[in-house]
């Protein structure tokens, strides 16, 4: 196995389980930190290491992506995905949009419009 963390990374002690509150926090952190998913409409419920994702996401692929993130969290035994799709702008769709100020690149760097207070 060519893993930078070693062949035993992610393997906990026998009969080890993570507290449901900590598991909920860990799954929520993964959803929040992922740059491809807008998780503002997602609620994470945990009962006995079983994670239930409830709510809505803007794209169909976000449903599967949220489930993958939850399953990859250490301590999760099962994921029940109850997410629905409410079409809208997705974070992944904004990645390729050009910056409107890119054409202001000058000899001394990028021009930034002044902020009025």
N, C-alpha and C. Protein backbone atom coordinates (compact mmCIF):
# COMPACT_ATOMS: atom_id res chain seq x y z
N UNK A 1 0.85 -1.18 0.00
CA UNK A 1 0.00 0.00 0.00
C UNK A 1 0.89 1.23 0.00
N UNK A 2 0.65 2.16 -0.90
CA UNK A 2 1.47 3.35 -1.03
C UNK A 2 0.72 4.55 -0.46
N UNK A 3 0.47 4.54 0.83
CA UNK A 3 -0.27 5.60 1.50
C UNK A 3 0.71 6.43 2.32
N UNK A 4 0.63 7.74 2.20
CA UNK A 4 1.57 8.62 2.90
C UNK A 4 1.36 8.59 4.41
N UNK A 5 0.21 8.12 4.86
CA UNK A 5 -0.07 8.05 6.29
C UNK A 5 0.21 6.67 6.88
N UNK A 6 0.59 5.74 6.07
CA UNK A 6 0.86 4.38 6.53
C UNK A 6 -0.28 3.45 6.25
N UNK A 7 -0.03 2.16 6.31
CA UNK A 7 -1.06 1.18 5.96
C UNK A 7 -2.17 1.04 7.01
N UNK A 8 -1.96 1.59 8.20
CA UNK A 8 -2.96 1.42 9.27
C UNK A 8 -3.69 2.72 9.59
N UNK A 9 -3.50 3.75 8.77
CA UNK A 9 -4.18 5.02 9.01
C UNK A 9 -5.68 4.85 8.89
N UNK A 10 -6.40 5.43 9.82
CA UNK A 10 -7.86 5.39 9.80
C UNK A 10 -8.46 4.16 10.44
N UNK A 11 -7.64 3.30 11.03
CA UNK A 11 -8.15 2.10 11.69
C UNK A 11 -8.09 2.33 13.20
N UNK A 12 -9.27 2.37 13.82
CA UNK A 12 -9.34 2.64 15.26
C UNK A 12 -9.28 1.38 16.09
N UNK A 13 -9.24 1.54 17.40
CA UNK A 13 -9.22 0.39 18.31
C UNK A 13 -10.49 -0.44 18.20
N UNK A 14 -10.41 -1.66 18.65
CA UNK A 14 -11.55 -2.59 18.62
C UNK A 14 -12.71 -1.99 19.40
N UNK A 15 -13.91 -2.10 18.85
CA UNK A 15 -15.15 -1.60 19.45
C UNK A 15 -15.15 -0.09 19.64
N UNK A 16 -14.32 0.61 18.88
CA UNK A 16 -14.26 2.07 18.96
C UNK A 16 -15.43 2.69 18.24
N UNK A 17 -16.06 3.66 18.85
CA UNK A 17 -17.11 4.45 18.20
C UNK A 17 -16.92 5.90 18.57
N UNK A 18 -17.28 6.76 17.68
CA UNK A 18 -17.19 8.19 17.92
C UNK A 18 -18.53 8.68 18.46
N UNK A 19 -18.49 9.61 19.39
CA UNK A 19 -19.69 10.20 19.96
C UNK A 19 -20.52 10.84 18.84
N UNK A 20 -21.85 10.71 18.91
CA UNK A 20 -22.73 11.23 17.87
C UNK A 20 -22.56 12.74 17.66
N UNK A 21 -22.39 13.49 18.74
CA UNK A 21 -22.22 14.95 18.62
C UNK A 21 -20.93 15.27 17.87
N UNK A 22 -19.87 14.55 18.18
CA UNK A 22 -18.59 14.77 17.49
C UNK A 22 -18.69 14.34 16.03
N UNK A 23 -19.39 13.25 15.78
CA UNK A 23 -19.58 12.78 14.42
C UNK A 23 -20.37 13.79 13.59
N UNK A 24 -21.40 14.36 14.18
CA UNK A 24 -22.20 15.39 13.50
C UNK A 24 -21.33 16.60 13.17
N UNK A 25 -20.49 16.99 14.11
CA UNK A 25 -19.60 18.12 13.88
C UNK A 25 -18.59 17.82 12.77
N UNK A 26 -18.03 16.62 12.78
CA UNK A 26 -17.03 16.25 11.76
C UNK A 26 -17.64 16.21 10.36
N UNK A 27 -18.83 15.63 10.23
CA UNK A 27 -19.50 15.57 8.92
C UNK A 27 -19.86 16.99 8.47
N UNK A 28 -20.36 17.81 9.40
CA UNK A 28 -20.72 19.19 9.06
C UNK A 28 -19.49 19.97 8.62
N UNK A 29 -18.36 19.75 9.29
CA UNK A 29 -17.12 20.43 8.90
C UNK A 29 -16.69 20.03 7.49
N UNK A 30 -16.79 18.75 7.16
CA UNK A 30 -16.42 18.29 5.82
C UNK A 30 -17.30 18.94 4.76
N UNK A 31 -18.60 19.04 5.03
CA UNK A 31 -19.52 19.66 4.08
C UNK A 31 -19.22 21.15 3.95
N UNK A 32 -18.91 21.80 5.05
CA UNK A 32 -18.64 23.23 5.03
C UNK A 32 -17.33 23.56 4.31
N UNK A 33 -16.31 22.74 4.50
CA UNK A 33 -14.99 23.03 3.95
C UNK A 33 -14.83 22.63 2.49
N UNK A 34 -15.73 21.82 1.97
CA UNK A 34 -15.62 21.38 0.59
C UNK A 34 -15.98 22.53 -0.35
N UNK A 35 -15.12 22.79 -1.32
CA UNK A 35 -15.33 23.94 -2.20
C UNK A 35 -16.32 23.67 -3.32
N UNK A 36 -16.76 22.44 -3.50
CA UNK A 36 -17.65 22.11 -4.60
C UNK A 36 -19.12 22.02 -4.22
N UNK A 37 -19.44 22.13 -2.94
CA UNK A 37 -20.83 21.95 -2.53
C UNK A 37 -21.28 23.12 -1.65
N UNK A 38 -22.49 23.58 -1.89
CA UNK A 38 -23.12 24.60 -1.07
C UNK A 38 -24.03 23.87 -0.10
N UNK A 39 -23.59 23.73 1.14
CA UNK A 39 -24.31 22.91 2.11
C UNK A 39 -25.22 23.72 3.03
N UNK A 40 -25.53 24.95 2.65
CA UNK A 40 -26.37 25.78 3.52
C UNK A 40 -27.77 25.21 3.73
N UNK A 41 -28.27 24.41 2.79
CA UNK A 41 -29.59 23.82 2.92
C UNK A 41 -29.59 22.41 3.46
N UNK A 42 -28.43 21.96 3.98
CA UNK A 42 -28.30 20.57 4.44
C UNK A 42 -28.29 20.52 5.97
N UNK A 43 -29.05 19.60 6.52
CA UNK A 43 -29.03 19.35 7.96
C UNK A 43 -28.44 17.96 8.18
N UNK A 44 -27.53 17.86 9.14
CA UNK A 44 -26.87 16.59 9.45
C UNK A 44 -27.43 16.06 10.76
N UNK A 45 -28.01 14.87 10.72
CA UNK A 45 -28.54 14.20 11.91
C UNK A 45 -27.74 12.93 12.13
N UNK A 46 -27.41 12.63 13.39
CA UNK A 46 -26.63 11.43 13.68
C UNK A 46 -27.29 10.69 14.85
N UNK A 47 -27.47 9.39 14.66
CA UNK A 47 -28.01 8.55 15.72
C UNK A 47 -27.31 7.19 15.65
N UNK A 48 -26.47 6.92 16.65
CA UNK A 48 -25.77 5.64 16.70
C UNK A 48 -24.82 5.43 15.53
N UNK A 49 -24.07 6.44 15.15
CA UNK A 49 -23.11 6.41 14.05
C UNK A 49 -23.78 6.29 12.68
N UNK A 50 -25.09 6.45 12.61
CA UNK A 50 -25.82 6.48 11.35
C UNK A 50 -26.12 7.94 11.04
N UNK A 51 -25.59 8.42 9.93
CA UNK A 51 -25.74 9.82 9.54
C UNK A 51 -26.90 9.93 8.55
N UNK A 52 -27.79 10.88 8.82
CA UNK A 52 -28.89 11.16 7.91
C UNK A 52 -28.72 12.59 7.40
N UNK A 53 -28.68 12.73 6.08
CA UNK A 53 -28.58 14.05 5.46
C UNK A 53 -29.97 14.45 4.98
N UNK A 54 -30.46 15.59 5.47
CA UNK A 54 -31.81 16.05 5.17
C UNK A 54 -31.71 17.47 4.63
N UNK A 55 -32.56 17.81 3.66
CA UNK A 55 -32.59 19.17 3.15
C UNK A 55 -32.51 19.21 1.64
N UNK A 56 -31.92 20.30 1.13
CA UNK A 56 -31.85 20.47 -0.32
C UNK A 56 -30.49 21.01 -0.74
N UNK A 57 -30.13 20.67 -1.96
CA UNK A 57 -28.89 21.14 -2.59
C UNK A 57 -29.25 21.63 -4.00
N UNK A 58 -28.40 22.51 -4.59
CA UNK A 58 -28.76 23.09 -5.88
C UNK A 58 -28.55 22.19 -7.10
N UNK A 59 -27.80 21.11 -6.99
CA UNK A 59 -27.55 20.27 -8.16
C UNK A 59 -27.66 18.79 -7.86
N UNK A 60 -27.98 18.01 -8.87
CA UNK A 60 -28.14 16.57 -8.69
C UNK A 60 -26.85 15.89 -8.25
N UNK A 61 -25.72 16.32 -8.78
CA UNK A 61 -24.45 15.70 -8.38
C UNK A 61 -24.08 16.05 -6.95
N UNK A 62 -24.64 17.14 -6.42
CA UNK A 62 -24.35 17.53 -5.03
C UNK A 62 -24.93 16.52 -4.04
N UNK A 63 -25.99 15.85 -4.41
CA UNK A 63 -26.59 14.83 -3.55
C UNK A 63 -25.58 13.70 -3.30
N UNK A 64 -25.02 13.19 -4.37
CA UNK A 64 -24.03 12.11 -4.26
C UNK A 64 -22.74 12.60 -3.61
N UNK A 65 -22.34 13.83 -3.92
CA UNK A 65 -21.11 14.38 -3.36
C UNK A 65 -21.21 14.52 -1.84
N UNK A 66 -22.34 15.00 -1.36
CA UNK A 66 -22.55 15.14 0.08
C UNK A 66 -22.51 13.78 0.77
N UNK A 67 -23.09 12.78 0.13
CA UNK A 67 -23.07 11.43 0.69
C UNK A 67 -21.64 10.88 0.74
N UNK A 68 -20.86 11.10 -0.30
CA UNK A 68 -19.47 10.65 -0.30
C UNK A 68 -18.66 11.30 0.81
N UNK A 69 -18.88 12.59 1.03
CA UNK A 69 -18.16 13.30 2.10
C UNK A 69 -18.54 12.73 3.46
N UNK A 70 -19.82 12.43 3.65
CA UNK A 70 -20.27 11.87 4.93
C UNK A 70 -19.69 10.47 5.14
N UNK A 71 -19.72 9.64 4.10
CA UNK A 71 -19.19 8.27 4.22
C UNK A 71 -17.69 8.26 4.51
N UNK A 72 -16.96 9.26 4.04
CA UNK A 72 -15.51 9.31 4.23
C UNK A 72 -15.11 9.78 5.62
N UNK A 73 -16.07 10.15 6.45
CA UNK A 73 -15.78 10.62 7.80
C UNK A 73 -15.55 9.43 8.72
N UNK A 74 -14.42 9.40 9.43
CA UNK A 74 -14.15 8.28 10.34
C UNK A 74 -15.23 8.14 11.40
N UNK A 75 -15.70 6.92 11.60
CA UNK A 75 -16.71 6.63 12.60
C UNK A 75 -18.11 6.48 12.04
N UNK A 76 -18.33 6.89 10.79
CA UNK A 76 -19.65 6.76 10.16
C UNK A 76 -19.84 5.33 9.71
N UNK A 77 -20.92 4.72 10.18
CA UNK A 77 -21.23 3.33 9.81
C UNK A 77 -22.19 3.24 8.63
N UNK A 78 -23.11 4.21 8.54
CA UNK A 78 -24.11 4.19 7.47
C UNK A 78 -24.53 5.62 7.18
N UNK A 79 -24.91 5.88 5.93
CA UNK A 79 -25.41 7.20 5.54
C UNK A 79 -26.77 7.03 4.89
N UNK A 80 -27.74 7.76 5.39
CA UNK A 80 -29.08 7.79 4.80
C UNK A 80 -29.23 9.16 4.14
N UNK A 81 -29.36 9.15 2.85
CA UNK A 81 -29.39 10.38 2.09
C UNK A 81 -30.82 10.76 1.75
N UNK A 82 -31.33 11.82 2.38
CA UNK A 82 -32.70 12.30 2.14
C UNK A 82 -32.66 13.68 1.48
N UNK A 83 -31.57 13.97 0.78
CA UNK A 83 -31.43 15.28 0.14
C UNK A 83 -32.26 15.34 -1.13
N UNK A 84 -32.81 16.51 -1.39
CA UNK A 84 -33.55 16.76 -2.62
C UNK A 84 -32.86 17.88 -3.39
N UNK A 85 -33.19 17.99 -4.66
CA UNK A 85 -32.57 19.00 -5.52
C UNK A 85 -33.53 20.16 -5.71
N UNK A 86 -33.07 21.36 -5.36
CA UNK A 86 -33.76 22.61 -5.67
C UNK A 86 -32.82 23.38 -6.59
N UNK A 87 -33.08 23.35 -7.90
CA UNK A 87 -32.13 23.93 -8.84
C UNK A 87 -31.74 25.37 -8.51
N UNK A 88 -30.48 25.64 -8.66
CA UNK A 88 -29.93 26.96 -8.40
C UNK A 88 -28.47 26.97 -8.81
N UNK A 89 -27.80 28.11 -8.58
CA UNK A 89 -26.39 28.21 -8.92
C UNK A 89 -25.57 27.37 -7.96
N UNK A 90 -24.67 26.55 -8.51
CA UNK A 90 -23.85 25.67 -7.70
C UNK A 90 -22.45 26.25 -7.57
N UNK A 91 -21.76 25.91 -6.50
CA UNK A 91 -20.40 26.39 -6.27
C UNK A 91 -19.48 25.95 -7.40
N UNK A 92 -19.66 24.73 -7.89
CA UNK A 92 -18.80 24.23 -8.96
C UNK A 92 -19.00 25.02 -10.25
N UNK A 93 -20.19 25.57 -10.46
CA UNK A 93 -20.45 26.36 -11.66
C UNK A 93 -19.74 27.72 -11.61
N UNK A 94 -19.46 28.23 -10.42
CA UNK A 94 -18.80 29.53 -10.28
C UNK A 94 -17.29 29.44 -10.43
N UNK A 95 -16.72 28.23 -10.40
CA UNK A 95 -15.26 28.09 -10.44
C UNK A 95 -14.66 28.60 -11.74
N UNK A 96 -15.33 28.44 -12.86
CA UNK A 96 -14.75 28.82 -14.14
C UNK A 96 -15.08 30.23 -14.59
N UNK A 97 -15.84 30.99 -13.80
CA UNK A 97 -16.23 32.33 -14.22
C UNK A 97 -15.05 33.29 -14.13
N UNK A 98 -14.89 34.14 -15.12
CA UNK A 98 -13.78 35.08 -15.10
C UNK A 98 -13.98 36.18 -14.06
N UNK A 99 -12.89 36.70 -13.56
CA UNK A 99 -12.92 37.81 -12.63
C UNK A 99 -13.18 39.08 -13.45
N UNK A 100 -14.20 39.89 -13.10
CA UNK A 100 -14.50 41.07 -13.90
C UNK A 100 -13.40 42.13 -13.88
N UNK A 101 -12.45 42.02 -12.94
CA UNK A 101 -11.39 43.02 -12.83
C UNK A 101 -10.06 42.53 -13.40
N UNK A 102 -10.05 41.38 -14.08
CA UNK A 102 -8.81 40.86 -14.65
C UNK A 102 -8.21 41.80 -15.69
N UNK A 103 -9.02 42.56 -16.40
CA UNK A 103 -8.49 43.44 -17.45
C UNK A 103 -7.85 44.70 -16.87
N UNK A 104 -7.85 44.88 -15.57
CA UNK A 104 -7.23 46.04 -14.93
C UNK A 104 -5.79 45.76 -14.49
N UNK A 105 -5.22 44.69 -15.00
CA UNK A 105 -3.84 44.34 -14.68
C UNK A 105 -2.92 45.38 -15.32
N UNK A 106 -2.10 46.01 -14.51
CA UNK A 106 -1.22 47.06 -15.04
C UNK A 106 0.23 46.80 -14.72
N UNK A 107 1.06 47.79 -15.00
CA UNK A 107 2.50 47.67 -14.80
C UNK A 107 2.85 47.47 -13.32
N UNK A 108 2.06 48.02 -12.42
CA UNK A 108 2.36 47.93 -10.98
C UNK A 108 1.45 46.93 -10.26
N UNK A 109 0.77 46.11 -10.98
CA UNK A 109 -0.09 45.10 -10.36
C UNK A 109 -1.53 45.31 -10.75
N UNK A 110 -2.39 44.61 -10.05
CA UNK A 110 -3.82 44.64 -10.35
C UNK A 110 -4.47 45.85 -9.70
N UNK A 111 -5.28 46.57 -10.49
CA UNK A 111 -6.03 47.70 -9.97
C UNK A 111 -7.26 47.19 -9.25
N UNK A 112 -7.49 47.69 -8.06
CA UNK A 112 -8.66 47.31 -7.27
C UNK A 112 -9.54 48.54 -7.13
N UNK A 113 -10.80 48.44 -7.47
CA UNK A 113 -11.67 49.61 -7.37
C UNK A 113 -11.76 50.10 -5.92
N UNK A 114 -11.83 51.40 -5.72
CA UNK A 114 -11.92 51.93 -4.36
C UNK A 114 -13.23 51.53 -3.69
N UNK A 115 -13.19 51.42 -2.39
CA UNK A 115 -14.38 51.09 -1.61
C UNK A 115 -14.94 52.38 -1.05
N UNK A 116 -16.18 52.67 -1.35
CA UNK A 116 -16.79 53.87 -0.80
C UNK A 116 -17.44 53.55 0.54
N UNK A 117 -17.23 54.43 1.48
CA UNK A 117 -17.80 54.21 2.83
C UNK A 117 -18.85 55.22 3.15
